[in-house]
Amino acid sequence: MLGLAASASGRLSAPVALALGLCFGLLVTHPFPKQAKRASAFVLQVSVVALGFGMNLAEVARAGRNGVVITAFCIAIVIALGLTLGRVLGVDGKPAFLISTGTAICGGSAIAAVGPIIEADEEQMAVSLATVFVLNSIALLIFPPIGLAAHLSPQQFGLWAALAIHDTSSVVGAAAKFGGGALALATTVKLVRALWIMPVGLGAAVVRGQKTRLKIPWFIAFFILACIANTYLPYKTMFQSAQRAGVIGLTVTLFLIGTSISRQTIKRVGYRPMLQGVLLWLFVAVSSLALIRHDWLRA
């Protein structure tokens, strides 16, 4: 409770909140793991909507329009490479596909959406989620220092974070830590990337000959409405307060995510899926950084 209260106080940065949550998860048996998981998902969605109250609609539209092509290209390459790595390393087909999808699209959300479609069992889901969550946590801690060392502009860092970090919470946390104009671009491109859950999930259903319903990410529509309100309505002070609340909500989300990673979770993964996840993530992070630094990839 103390860690949760500290995260909600607005005095902790996103990386510190995540580190605090990780310490709890690794040292203490979580008394309410399912409740924490549900709470983190809901708080994340509400926080993303709140962040929209600090963004201009024209900037969001421009980033979103350019981001569609970038994300489509990157997602196709990452999933193909991930499946190839899975076969080479001897990872079972379903976890290999889930890890590839989570890395390519949006981490745990993509895995949770696609897992039931390919009929992954609880163990396969747990291994895939744990792999992505561990790497996602590392990314939040190391990306801002790397971005500063590489002399990235806020726009360059925002695009890099959106393409190379798994979950929305850590993308936004890293961009907020970096500062400047990174947050608006990172959030928008990341949400465009998250929309690819639907076509990838439908494609998986078609391949398996299944009929399925995918949950549409409702919070993306509300995020756009928040951007519209901030652009055209005069309540700037109220909107600024909402945006600050969104940043605090993301800090709370990262603390809750950190508490879900236990020693048992790490042991359950095994070295093959983790190696697949690490190699795939390194490819995405290094290649996208190189392309962005040379202005071959921009949003």
C-alpha atoms as a PDB file:
ATOM      1  CA  MET A   1       0.000   0.000   0.000  1.00  0.00           C
ATOM      2  CA  LEU A   2       2.864   2.386   0.739  1.00  0.00           C
ATOM      3  CA  GLY A   3       4.348   1.821  -2.721  1.00  0.00           C
ATOM      4  CA  LEU A   4       0.966   2.404  -4.350  1.00  0.00           C
ATOM      5  CA  ALA A   5       0.432   5.593  -2.358  1.00  0.00           C
ATOM      6  CA  ALA A   6       3.917   6.849  -3.237  1.00  0.00           C
ATOM      7  CA  SER A   7       3.311   6.171  -6.931  1.00  0.00           C
ATOM      8  CA  ALA A   8      -0.004   8.047  -6.788  1.00  0.00           C
ATOM      9  CA  SER A   9       1.551  11.016  -4.993  1.00  0.00           C
ATOM     10  CA  GLY A  10       3.035  12.427  -8.188  1.00  0.00           C
ATOM     11  CA  ARG A  11       6.496  12.587  -6.647  1.00  0.00           C
ATOM     12  CA  LEU A  12       7.898   9.394  -8.165  1.00  0.00           C
ATOM     13  CA  SER A  13       9.098   9.124 -11.751  1.00  0.00           C
ATOM     14  CA  ALA A  14       7.852   6.243 -13.902  1.00  0.00           C
ATOM     15  CA  PRO A  15      11.148   4.257 -13.756  1.00  0.00           C
ATOM     16  CA  VAL A  16      11.328   4.611  -9.960  1.00  0.00           C
ATOM     17  CA  ALA A  17       7.718   3.431  -9.579  1.00  0.00           C
ATOM     18  CA  LEU A  18       8.427   0.421 -11.798  1.00  0.00           C
ATOM     19  CA  ALA A  19      11.601  -0.402  -9.842  1.00  0.00           C
ATOM     20  CA  LEU A  20       9.647  -0.165  -6.588  1.00  0.00           C
ATOM     21  CA  GLY A  21       6.998  -2.512  -7.966  1.00  0.00           C
ATOM     22  CA  LEU A  22       9.652  -4.965  -9.143  1.00  0.00           C
ATOM     23  CA  CYS A  23      11.219  -5.021  -5.674  1.00  0.00           C
ATOM     24  CA  PHE A  24       7.827  -5.845  -4.186  1.00  0.00           C
ATOM     25  CA  GLY A  25       7.094  -8.539  -6.775  1.00  0.00           C
ATOM     26  CA  LEU A  26      10.465 -10.231  -6.397  1.00  0.00           C
ATOM     27  CA  LEU A  27      10.602 -10.102  -2.606  1.00  0.00           C
ATOM     28  CA  VAL A  28       6.984 -10.506  -1.488  1.00  0.00           C
ATOM     29  CA  THR A  29       4.195 -12.883  -2.468  1.00  0.00           C
ATOM     30  CA  HIS A  30       1.514 -10.726  -4.061  1.00  0.00           C
ATOM     31  CA  PRO A  31      -1.731 -11.011  -2.048  1.00  0.00           C
ATOM     32  CA  PHE A  32      -4.011  -9.813  -4.889  1.00  0.00           C
ATOM     33  CA  PRO A  33      -2.377 -10.660  -8.241  1.00  0.00           C
ATOM     34  CA  LYS A  34      -5.567 -10.886 -10.335  1.00  0.00           C
ATOM     35  CA  GLN A  35      -6.989  -7.669  -8.909  1.00  0.00           C
ATOM     36  CA  ALA A  36      -3.714  -5.850  -9.543  1.00  0.00           C
ATOM     37  CA  LYS A  37      -3.688  -7.041 -13.151  1.00  0.00           C
ATOM     38  CA  ARG A  38      -7.235  -5.816 -13.781  1.00  0.00           C
ATOM     39  CA  ALA A  39      -6.534  -2.526 -12.023  1.00  0.00           C
ATOM     40  CA  SER A  40      -3.363  -1.865 -14.039  1.00  0.00           C
ATOM     41  CA  ALA A  41      -5.199  -2.429 -17.338  1.00  0.00           C
ATOM     42  CA  PHE A  42      -8.048  -0.077 -16.399  1.00  0.00           C
ATOM     43  CA  VAL A  43      -5.823   2.656 -14.941  1.00  0.00           C
ATOM     44  CA  LEU A  44      -3.624   2.512 -18.054  1.00  0.00           C
ATOM     45  CA  GLN A  45      -6.575   3.052 -20.380  1.00  0.00           C
ATOM     46  CA  VAL A  46      -8.001   5.928 -18.345  1.00  0.00           C
ATOM     47  CA  SER A  47      -4.552   7.520 -18.108  1.00  0.00           C
ATOM     48  CA  VAL A  48      -4.011   7.384 -21.868  1.00  0.00           C
ATOM     49  CA  VAL A  49      -7.344   9.153 -22.360  1.00  0.00           C
ATOM     50  CA  ALA A  50      -6.311  11.810 -19.823  1.00  0.00           C
ATOM     51  CA  LEU A  51      -3.063  12.400 -21.700  1.00  0.00           C
ATOM     52  CA  GLY A  52      -5.118  13.323 -24.744  1.00  0.00           C
ATOM     53  CA  PHE A  53      -6.199  16.512 -22.973  1.00  0.00           C
ATOM     54  CA  GLY A  54      -2.665  17.797 -23.425  1.00  0.00           C
ATOM     55  CA  MET A  55      -2.353  17.107 -27.156  1.00  0.00           C
ATOM     56  CA  ASN A  56      -3.291  19.017 -30.288  1.00  0.00           C
ATOM     57  CA  LEU A  57      -5.529  17.242 -32.783  1.00  0.00           C
ATOM     58  CA  ALA A  58      -3.539  18.358 -35.841  1.00  0.00           C
ATOM     59  CA  GLU A  59      -0.299  16.984 -34.403  1.00  0.00           C
ATOM     60  CA  VAL A  60      -1.984  13.717 -33.442  1.00  0.00           C
ATOM     61  CA  ALA A  61      -3.534  13.354 -36.916  1.00  0.00           C
ATOM     62  CA  ARG A  62      -0.205  14.005 -38.645  1.00  0.00           C
ATOM     63  CA  ALA A  63       1.653  11.510 -36.458  1.00  0.00           C
ATOM     64  CA  GLY A  64      -1.110   8.944 -36.811  1.00  0.00           C
ATOM     65  CA  ARG A  65      -1.237   9.263 -40.617  1.00  0.00           C
ATOM     66  CA  ASN A  66       2.506   8.817 -40.975  1.00  0.00           C
ATOM     67  CA  GLY A  67       2.614   6.145 -38.287  1.00  0.00           C
ATOM     68  CA  VAL A  68       0.258   3.788 -40.150  1.00  0.00           C
ATOM     69  CA  VAL A  69       2.799   3.021 -42.874  1.00  0.00           C
ATOM     70  CA  ILE A  70       5.731   2.810 -40.458  1.00  0.00           C
ATOM     71  CA  THR A  71       3.951   0.471 -38.041  1.00  0.00           C
ATOM     72  CA  ALA A  72       2.581  -1.796 -40.787  1.00  0.00           C
ATOM     73  CA  PHE A  73       6.071  -2.269 -42.250  1.00  0.00           C
ATOM     74  CA  CYS A  74       7.704  -2.862 -38.859  1.00  0.00           C
ATOM     75  CA  ILE A  75       5.014  -5.260 -37.612  1.00  0.00           C
ATOM     76  CA  ALA A  76       5.268  -7.501 -40.678  1.00  0.00           C
ATOM     77  CA  ILE A  77       9.057  -7.743 -40.391  1.00  0.00           C
ATOM     78  CA  VAL A  78       9.057  -8.351 -36.625  1.00  0.00           C
ATOM     79  CA  ILE A  79       6.432 -11.121 -36.706  1.00  0.00           C
ATOM     80  CA  ALA A  80       8.206 -12.905 -39.591  1.00  0.00           C
ATOM     81  CA  LEU A  81      11.588 -12.656 -37.858  1.00  0.00           C
ATOM     82  CA  GLY A  82      10.114 -13.708 -34.510  1.00  0.00           C
ATOM     83  CA  LEU A  83       8.586 -16.866 -35.970  1.00  0.00           C
ATOM     84  CA  THR A  84      11.879 -17.691 -37.669  1.00  0.00           C
ATOM     85  CA  LEU A  85      13.798 -17.231 -34.407  1.00  0.00           C
ATOM     86  CA  GLY A  86      11.240 -19.388 -32.616  1.00  0.00           C
ATOM     87  CA  ARG A  87      11.792 -22.259 -35.063  1.00  0.00           C
ATOM     88  CA  VAL A  88      15.588 -21.934 -34.881  1.00  0.00           C
ATOM     89  CA  LEU A  89      15.575 -21.910 -31.067  1.00  0.00           C
ATOM     90  CA  GLY A  90      13.038 -24.706 -30.749  1.00  0.00           C
ATOM     91  CA  VAL A  91      10.348 -22.615 -29.070  1.00  0.00           C
ATOM     92  CA  ASP A  92       6.854 -24.109 -29.243  1.00  0.00           C
ATOM     93  CA  GLY A  93       4.806 -22.570 -32.050  1.00  0.00           C
ATOM     94  CA  LYS A  94       2.139 -20.845 -29.970  1.00  0.00           C
ATOM     95  CA  PRO A  95       4.442 -19.073 -27.484  1.00  0.00           C
ATOM     96  CA  ALA A  96       6.729 -18.149 -30.394  1.00  0.00           C
ATOM     97  CA  PHE A  97       3.810 -16.500 -32.208  1.00  0.00           C
ATOM     98  CA  LEU A  98       2.580 -14.766 -29.046  1.00  0.00           C
ATOM     99  CA  ILE A  99       6.030 -13.383 -28.190  1.00  0.00           C
ATOM    100  CA  SER A 100       6.422 -12.191 -31.793  1.00  0.00           C
ATOM    101  CA  THR A 101       2.989 -10.549 -31.756  1.00  0.00           C
ATOM    102  CA  GLY A 102       3.578  -8.938 -28.370  1.00  0.00           C
ATOM    103  CA  THR A 103       6.914  -7.516 -29.509  1.00  0.00           C
ATOM    104  CA  ALA A 104       5.521  -6.317 -32.833  1.00  0.00           C
ATOM    105  CA  ILE A 105       2.296  -4.701 -31.618  1.00  0.00           C
ATOM    106  CA  CYS A 106       1.714  -3.824 -27.982  1.00  0.00           C
ATOM    107  CA  GLY A 107       3.038  -6.343 -25.513  1.00  0.00           C
ATOM    108  CA  GLY A 108       0.634  -7.907 -23.051  1.00  0.00           C
ATOM    109  CA  SER A 109      -2.484  -6.453 -24.698  1.00  0.00           C
ATOM    110  CA  ALA A 110      -1.692  -8.154 -28.005  1.00  0.00           C
ATOM    111  CA  ILE A 111      -0.888 -11.458 -26.297  1.00  0.00           C
ATOM    112  CA  ALA A 112      -4.107 -11.332 -24.272  1.00  0.00           C
ATOM    113  CA  ALA A 113      -6.137 -10.638 -27.427  1.00  0.00           C
ATOM    114  CA  VAL A 114      -4.504 -13.167 -29.755  1.00  0.00           C
ATOM    115  CA  GLY A 115      -3.869 -15.999 -27.242  1.00  0.00           C
ATOM    116  CA  PRO A 116      -7.474 -17.255 -27.103  1.00  0.00           C
ATOM    117  CA  ILE A 117      -7.745 -17.116 -30.894  1.00  0.00           C
ATOM    118  CA  ILE A 118      -4.849 -19.545 -31.389  1.00  0.00           C
ATOM    119  CA  GLU A 119      -6.093 -21.609 -28.402  1.00  0.00           C
ATOM    120  CA  ALA A 120      -2.979 -21.063 -26.305  1.00  0.00           C
ATOM    121  CA  ASP A 121      -3.214 -22.719 -22.891  1.00  0.00           C
ATOM    122  CA  GLU A 122      -2.603 -20.976 -19.567  1.00  0.00           C
ATOM    123  CA  GLU A 123       1.061 -21.998 -19.382  1.00  0.00           C
ATOM    124  CA  GLN A 124       1.802 -20.786 -22.922  1.00  0.00           C
ATOM    125  CA  MET A 125       0.085 -17.471 -22.171  1.00  0.00           C
ATOM    126  CA  ALA A 126       1.996 -17.074 -18.896  1.00  0.00           C
ATOM    127  CA  VAL A 127       5.380 -17.759 -20.540  1.00  0.00           C
ATOM    128  CA  SER A 128       4.690 -15.270 -23.333  1.00  0.00           C
ATOM    129  CA  LEU A 129       3.393 -12.551 -21.010  1.00  0.00           C
ATOM    130  CA  ALA A 130       6.286 -12.968 -18.589  1.00  0.00           C
ATOM    131  CA  THR A 131       8.849 -12.715 -21.396  1.00  0.00           C
ATOM    132  CA  VAL A 132       7.354  -9.501 -22.724  1.00  0.00           C
ATOM    133  CA  PHE A 133       6.792  -7.934 -19.280  1.00  0.00           C
ATOM    134  CA  VAL A 134      10.382  -8.508 -18.172  1.00  0.00           C
ATOM    135  CA  LEU A 135      11.818  -6.960 -21.337  1.00  0.00           C
ATOM    136  CA  ASN A 136       9.268  -4.156 -21.232  1.00  0.00           C
ATOM    137  CA  SER A 137      10.386  -3.237 -17.722  1.00  0.00           C
ATOM    138  CA  ILE A 138      14.031  -3.180 -18.765  1.00  0.00           C
ATOM    139  CA  ALA A 139      13.204  -0.953 -21.735  1.00  0.00           C
ATOM    140  CA  LEU A 140      11.580   1.700 -19.562  1.00  0.00           C
ATOM    141  CA  LEU A 141      14.681   1.924 -17.389  1.00  0.00           C
ATOM    142  CA  ILE A 142      17.332   2.017 -20.125  1.00  0.00           C
ATOM    143  CA  PHE A 143      15.743   3.806 -23.089  1.00  0.00           C
ATOM    144  CA  PRO A 144      15.836   7.414 -21.768  1.00  0.00           C
ATOM    145  CA  PRO A 145      19.574   7.259 -20.906  1.00  0.00           C
ATOM    146  CA  ILE A 146      20.330   5.675 -24.284  1.00  0.00           C
ATOM    147  CA  GLY A 147      18.299   8.343 -26.044  1.00  0.00           C
ATOM    148  CA  LEU A 148      20.239  11.085 -24.273  1.00  0.00           C
ATOM    149  CA  ALA A 149      23.584   9.418 -25.024  1.00  0.00           C
ATOM    150  CA  ALA A 150      22.621   9.082 -28.701  1.00  0.00           C
ATOM    151  CA  HIS A 151      21.635  12.790 -28.794  1.00  0.00           C
ATOM    152  CA  LEU A 152      18.140  12.017 -30.068  1.00  0.00           C
ATOM    153  CA  SER A 153      15.699  14.868 -30.462  1.00  0.00           C
ATOM    154  CA  PRO A 154      12.394  14.540 -28.559  1.00  0.00           C
ATOM    155  CA  GLN A 155      10.640  13.618 -31.817  1.00  0.00           C
ATOM    156  CA  GLN A 156      13.239  10.979 -32.650  1.00  0.00           C
ATOM    157  CA  PHE A 157      13.041   9.491 -29.177  1.00  0.00           C
ATOM    158  CA  GLY A 158       9.241   9.495 -29.229  1.00  0.00           C
ATOM    159  CA  LEU A 159       9.202   7.522 -32.472  1.00  0.00           C
ATOM    160  CA  TRP A 160      11.874   5.116 -31.219  1.00  0.00           C
ATOM    161  CA  ALA A 161      10.054   4.451 -27.966  1.00  0.00           C
ATOM    162  CA  ALA A 162       6.759   3.883 -29.798  1.00  0.00           C
ATOM    163  CA  LEU A 163       8.328   1.350 -32.158  1.00  0.00           C
ATOM    164  CA  ALA A 164      10.727  -0.490 -29.853  1.00  0.00           C
ATOM    165  CA  ILE A 165       9.059  -0.684 -26.404  1.00  0.00           C
ATOM    166  CA  HIS A 166       6.388  -3.323 -25.941  1.00  0.00           C
ATOM    167  CA  ASP A 167       3.585  -1.936 -23.730  1.00  0.00           C
ATOM    168  CA  THR A 168       1.843   1.427 -23.926  1.00  0.00           C
ATOM    169  CA  SER A 169       2.513   2.181 -20.268  1.00  0.00           C
ATOM    170  CA  SER A 170       6.287   1.945 -20.645  1.00  0.00           C
ATOM    171  CA  VAL A 171       6.272   3.792 -23.980  1.00  0.00           C
ATOM    172  CA  VAL A 172       4.509   6.731 -22.365  1.00  0.00           C
ATOM    173  CA  GLY A 173       6.593   6.494 -19.193  1.00  0.00           C
ATOM    174  CA  ALA A 174       9.867   6.553 -21.135  1.00  0.00           C
ATOM    175  CA  ALA A 175       8.709   9.425 -23.371  1.00  0.00           C
ATOM    176  CA  ALA A 176       7.538  11.458 -20.378  1.00  0.00           C
ATOM    177  CA  LYS A 177      10.905  10.881 -18.689  1.00  0.00           C
ATOM    178  CA  PHE A 178      12.761  12.021 -21.833  1.00  0.00           C
ATOM    179  CA  GLY A 179      10.722  15.221 -22.056  1.00  0.00           C
ATOM    180  CA  GLY A 180      10.245  17.758 -24.825  1.00  0.00           C
ATOM    181  CA  GLY A 181       7.821  16.776 -27.564  1.00  0.00           C
ATOM    182  CA  ALA A 182       8.495  13.062 -27.169  1.00  0.00           C
ATOM    183  CA  LEU A 183       5.296  12.262 -25.268  1.00  0.00           C
ATOM    184  CA  ALA A 184       2.737  13.360 -27.880  1.00  0.00           C
ATOM    185  CA  LEU A 185       4.441  11.573 -30.755  1.00  0.00           C
ATOM    186  CA  ALA A 186       5.200   8.422 -28.754  1.00  0.00           C
ATOM    187  CA  THR A 187       1.620   8.091 -27.501  1.00  0.00           C
ATOM    188  CA  THR A 188       0.043   8.638 -30.913  1.00  0.00           C
ATOM    189  CA  VAL A 189       2.292   6.274 -32.863  1.00  0.00           C
ATOM    190  CA  LYS A 190       1.966   3.671 -30.126  1.00  0.00           C
ATOM    191  CA  LEU A 191      -1.832   3.800 -30.263  1.00  0.00           C
ATOM    192  CA  VAL A 192      -1.697   3.426 -34.047  1.00  0.00           C
ATOM    193  CA  ARG A 193       0.529   0.399 -33.474  1.00  0.00           C
ATOM    194  CA  ALA A 194      -1.977  -0.990 -30.952  1.00  0.00           C
ATOM    195  CA  LEU A 195      -4.781  -0.883 -33.533  1.00  0.00           C
ATOM    196  CA  TRP A 196      -2.984  -3.635 -35.443  1.00  0.00           C
ATOM    197  CA  ILE A 197      -4.251  -6.074 -32.813  1.00  0.00           C
ATOM    198  CA  MET A 198      -7.448  -6.275 -34.849  1.00  0.00           C
ATOM    199  CA  PRO A 199      -6.110  -7.222 -38.314  1.00  0.00           C
ATOM    200  CA  VAL A 200      -3.460  -9.551 -36.860  1.00  0.00           C
ATOM    201  CA  GLY A 201      -6.048 -11.229 -34.634  1.00  0.00           C
ATOM    202  CA  LEU A 202      -8.496 -11.598 -37.510  1.00  0.00           C
ATOM    203  CA  GLY A 203      -5.714 -12.993 -39.699  1.00  0.00           C
ATOM    204  CA  ALA A 204      -4.877 -15.592 -37.052  1.00  0.00           C
ATOM    205  CA  ALA A 205      -8.561 -16.516 -36.801  1.00  0.00           C
ATOM    206  CA  VAL A 206      -8.833 -16.961 -40.578  1.00  0.00           C
ATOM    207  CA  VAL A 207      -5.732 -19.173 -40.673  1.00  0.00           C
ATOM    208  CA  ARG A 208      -7.179 -21.377 -37.931  1.00  0.00           C
ATOM    209  CA  GLY A 209     -10.663 -21.368 -39.476  1.00  0.00           C
ATOM    210  CA  GLN A 210     -12.249 -19.778 -36.400  1.00  0.00           C
ATOM    211  CA  LYS A 211     -14.985 -17.249 -35.915  1.00  0.00           C
ATOM    212  CA  THR A 212     -14.055 -14.782 -33.231  1.00  0.00           C
ATOM    213  CA  ARG A 213     -14.823 -11.370 -31.825  1.00  0.00           C
ATOM    214  CA  LEU A 214     -12.004  -8.991 -31.048  1.00  0.00           C
ATOM    215  CA  LYS A 215     -12.425  -6.309 -28.434  1.00  0.00           C
ATOM    216  CA  ILE A 216     -12.005  -2.874 -29.977  1.00  0.00           C
ATOM    217  CA  PRO A 217      -9.678  -0.692 -27.838  1.00  0.00           C
ATOM    218  CA  TRP A 218     -12.376   1.778 -26.670  1.00  0.00           C
ATOM    219  CA  PHE A 219      -9.901   4.066 -24.980  1.00  0.00           C
ATOM    220  CA  ILE A 220      -8.331   5.062 -28.315  1.00  0.00           C
ATOM    221  CA  ALA A 221     -11.620   6.683 -29.405  1.00  0.00           C
ATOM    222  CA  PHE A 222     -11.821   8.562 -26.106  1.00  0.00           C
ATOM    223  CA  PHE A 223      -8.194   9.624 -26.488  1.00  0.00           C
ATOM    224  CA  ILE A 224      -9.070  11.233 -29.843  1.00  0.00           C
ATOM    225  CA  LEU A 225     -12.109  12.954 -28.280  1.00  0.00           C
ATOM    226  CA  ALA A 226      -9.845  14.330 -25.542  1.00  0.00           C
ATOM    227  CA  CYS A 227      -7.487  15.714 -28.204  1.00  0.00           C
ATOM    228  CA  ILE A 228     -10.449  17.348 -29.970  1.00  0.00           C
ATOM    229  CA  ALA A 229     -11.602  18.927 -26.703  1.00  0.00           C
ATOM    230  CA  ASN A 230      -8.138  20.278 -25.933  1.00  0.00           C
ATOM    231  CA  THR A 231      -7.821  21.706 -29.457  1.00  0.00           C
ATOM    232  CA  TYR A 232     -11.181  23.462 -29.710  1.00  0.00           C
ATOM    233  CA  LEU A 233     -12.515  24.102 -26.192  1.00  0.00           C
ATOM    234  CA  PRO A 234     -11.294  26.883 -23.877  1.00  0.00           C
ATOM    235  CA  TYR A 235     -10.930  24.909 -20.612  1.00  0.00           C
ATOM    236  CA  LYS A 236      -7.135  24.803 -20.702  1.00  0.00           C
ATOM    237  CA  THR A 237      -6.555  24.825 -16.937  1.00  0.00           C
ATOM    238  CA  MET A 238      -8.891  21.880 -16.438  1.00  0.00           C
ATOM    239  CA  PHE A 239      -7.342  20.006 -19.348  1.00  0.00           C
ATOM    240  CA  GLN A 240      -3.838  20.564 -17.966  1.00  0.00           C
ATOM    241  CA  SER A 241      -4.956  19.063 -14.650  1.00  0.00           C
ATOM    242  CA  ALA A 242      -6.384  16.066 -16.492  1.00  0.00           C
ATOM    243  CA  GLN A 243      -3.100  15.559 -18.325  1.00  0.00           C
ATOM    244  CA  ARG A 244      -1.141  15.671 -15.053  1.00  0.00           C
ATOM    245  CA  ALA A 245      -3.547  13.115 -13.612  1.00  0.00           C
ATOM    246  CA  GLY A 246      -2.849  10.915 -16.646  1.00  0.00           C
ATOM    247  CA  VAL A 247       0.901  11.023 -15.994  1.00  0.00           C
ATOM    248  CA  ILE A 248       0.323  10.063 -12.357  1.00  0.00           C
ATOM    249  CA  GLY A 249      -2.019   7.260 -13.457  1.00  0.00           C
ATOM    250  CA  LEU A 250       0.688   5.844 -15.703  1.00  0.00           C
ATOM    251  CA  THR A 251       3.128   5.900 -12.795  1.00  0.00           C
ATOM    252  CA  VAL A 252       0.619   3.891 -10.749  1.00  0.00           C
ATOM    253  CA  THR A 253       0.168   1.494 -13.686  1.00  0.00           C
ATOM    254  CA  LEU A 254       3.889   0.821 -13.895  1.00  0.00           C
ATOM    255  CA  PHE A 255       4.089   0.144 -10.164  1.00  0.00           C
ATOM    256  CA  LEU A 256       1.242  -2.389 -10.454  1.00  0.00           C
ATOM    257  CA  ILE A 257       2.888  -4.045 -13.475  1.00  0.00           C
ATOM    258  CA  GLY A 258       6.152  -4.305 -11.566  1.00  0.00           C
ATOM    259  CA  THR A 259       4.433  -6.076  -8.664  1.00  0.00           C
ATOM    260  CA  SER A 260       3.188  -8.773 -11.063  1.00  0.00           C
ATOM    261  CA  ILE A 261       6.709  -9.948 -11.947  1.00  0.00           C
ATOM    262  CA  SER A 262       7.789 -12.515  -9.365  1.00  0.00           C
ATOM    263  CA  ARG A 263      10.685 -14.965  -9.116  1.00  0.00           C
ATOM    264  CA  GLN A 264       8.267 -17.741 -10.090  1.00  0.00           C
ATOM    265  CA  THR A 265       7.291 -15.784 -13.207  1.00  0.00           C
ATOM    266  CA  ILE A 266      10.906 -15.491 -14.317  1.00  0.00           C
ATOM    267  CA  LYS A 267      11.605 -19.177 -13.626  1.00  0.00           C
ATOM    268  CA  ARG A 268       8.532 -20.207 -15.597  1.00  0.00           C
ATOM    269  CA  VAL A 269       9.733 -18.557 -18.791  1.00  0.00           C
ATOM    270  CA  GLY A 270      12.760 -20.755 -19.466  1.00  0.00           C
ATOM    271  CA  TYR A 271      15.749 -19.724 -21.512  1.00  0.00           C
ATOM    272  CA  ARG A 272      14.466 -20.481 -25.043  1.00  0.00           C
ATOM    273  CA  PRO A 273      11.397 -18.165 -25.078  1.00  0.00           C
ATOM    274  CA  MET A 274      13.359 -15.512 -23.199  1.00  0.00           C
ATOM    275  CA  LEU A 275      16.212 -15.771 -25.713  1.00  0.00           C
ATOM    276  CA  GLN A 276      13.732 -15.433 -28.576  1.00  0.00           C
ATOM    277  CA  GLY A 277      12.211 -12.365 -26.916  1.00  0.00           C
ATOM    278  CA  VAL A 278      15.599 -10.776 -26.184  1.00  0.00           C
ATOM    279  CA  LEU A 279      16.994 -11.316 -29.703  1.00  0.00           C
ATOM    280  CA  LEU A 280      13.807 -10.068 -31.353  1.00  0.00           C
ATOM    281  CA  TRP A 281      13.632  -7.019 -29.100  1.00  0.00           C
ATOM    282  CA  LEU A 282      17.308  -6.179 -29.676  1.00  0.00           C
ATOM    283  CA  PHE A 283      16.756  -6.355 -33.422  1.00  0.00           C
ATOM    284  CA  VAL A 284      13.783  -3.987 -33.210  1.00  0.00           C
ATOM    285  CA  ALA A 285      15.514  -1.560 -30.844  1.00  0.00           C
ATOM    286  CA  VAL A 286      18.875  -1.409 -32.637  1.00  0.00           C
ATOM    287  CA  SER A 287      17.563  -1.347 -36.217  1.00  0.00           C
ATOM    288  CA  SER A 288      14.862   1.265 -35.538  1.00  0.00           C
ATOM    289  CA  LEU A 289      17.360   3.443 -33.633  1.00  0.00           C
ATOM    290  CA  ALA A 290      19.828   3.292 -36.536  1.00  0.00           C
ATOM    291  CA  LEU A 291      17.137   4.175 -39.083  1.00  0.00           C
ATOM    292  CA  ILE A 292      15.828   7.045 -36.965  1.00  0.00           C
ATOM    293  CA  ARG A 293      19.276   8.509 -36.299  1.00  0.00           C
ATOM    294  CA  HIS A 294      20.001   8.599 -40.037  1.00  0.00           C
ATOM    295  CA  ASP A 295      16.557  10.118 -40.770  1.00  0.00           C
ATOM    296  CA  TRP A 296      15.553   7.097 -42.830  1.00  0.00           C
ATOM    297  CA  LEU A 297      12.558   6.580 -40.541  1.00  0.00           C
ATOM    298  CA  ARG A 298      10.451   9.473 -39.359  1.00  0.00           C
ATOM    299  CA  ALA A 299       6.860  10.266 -38.380  1.00  0.00           C
END
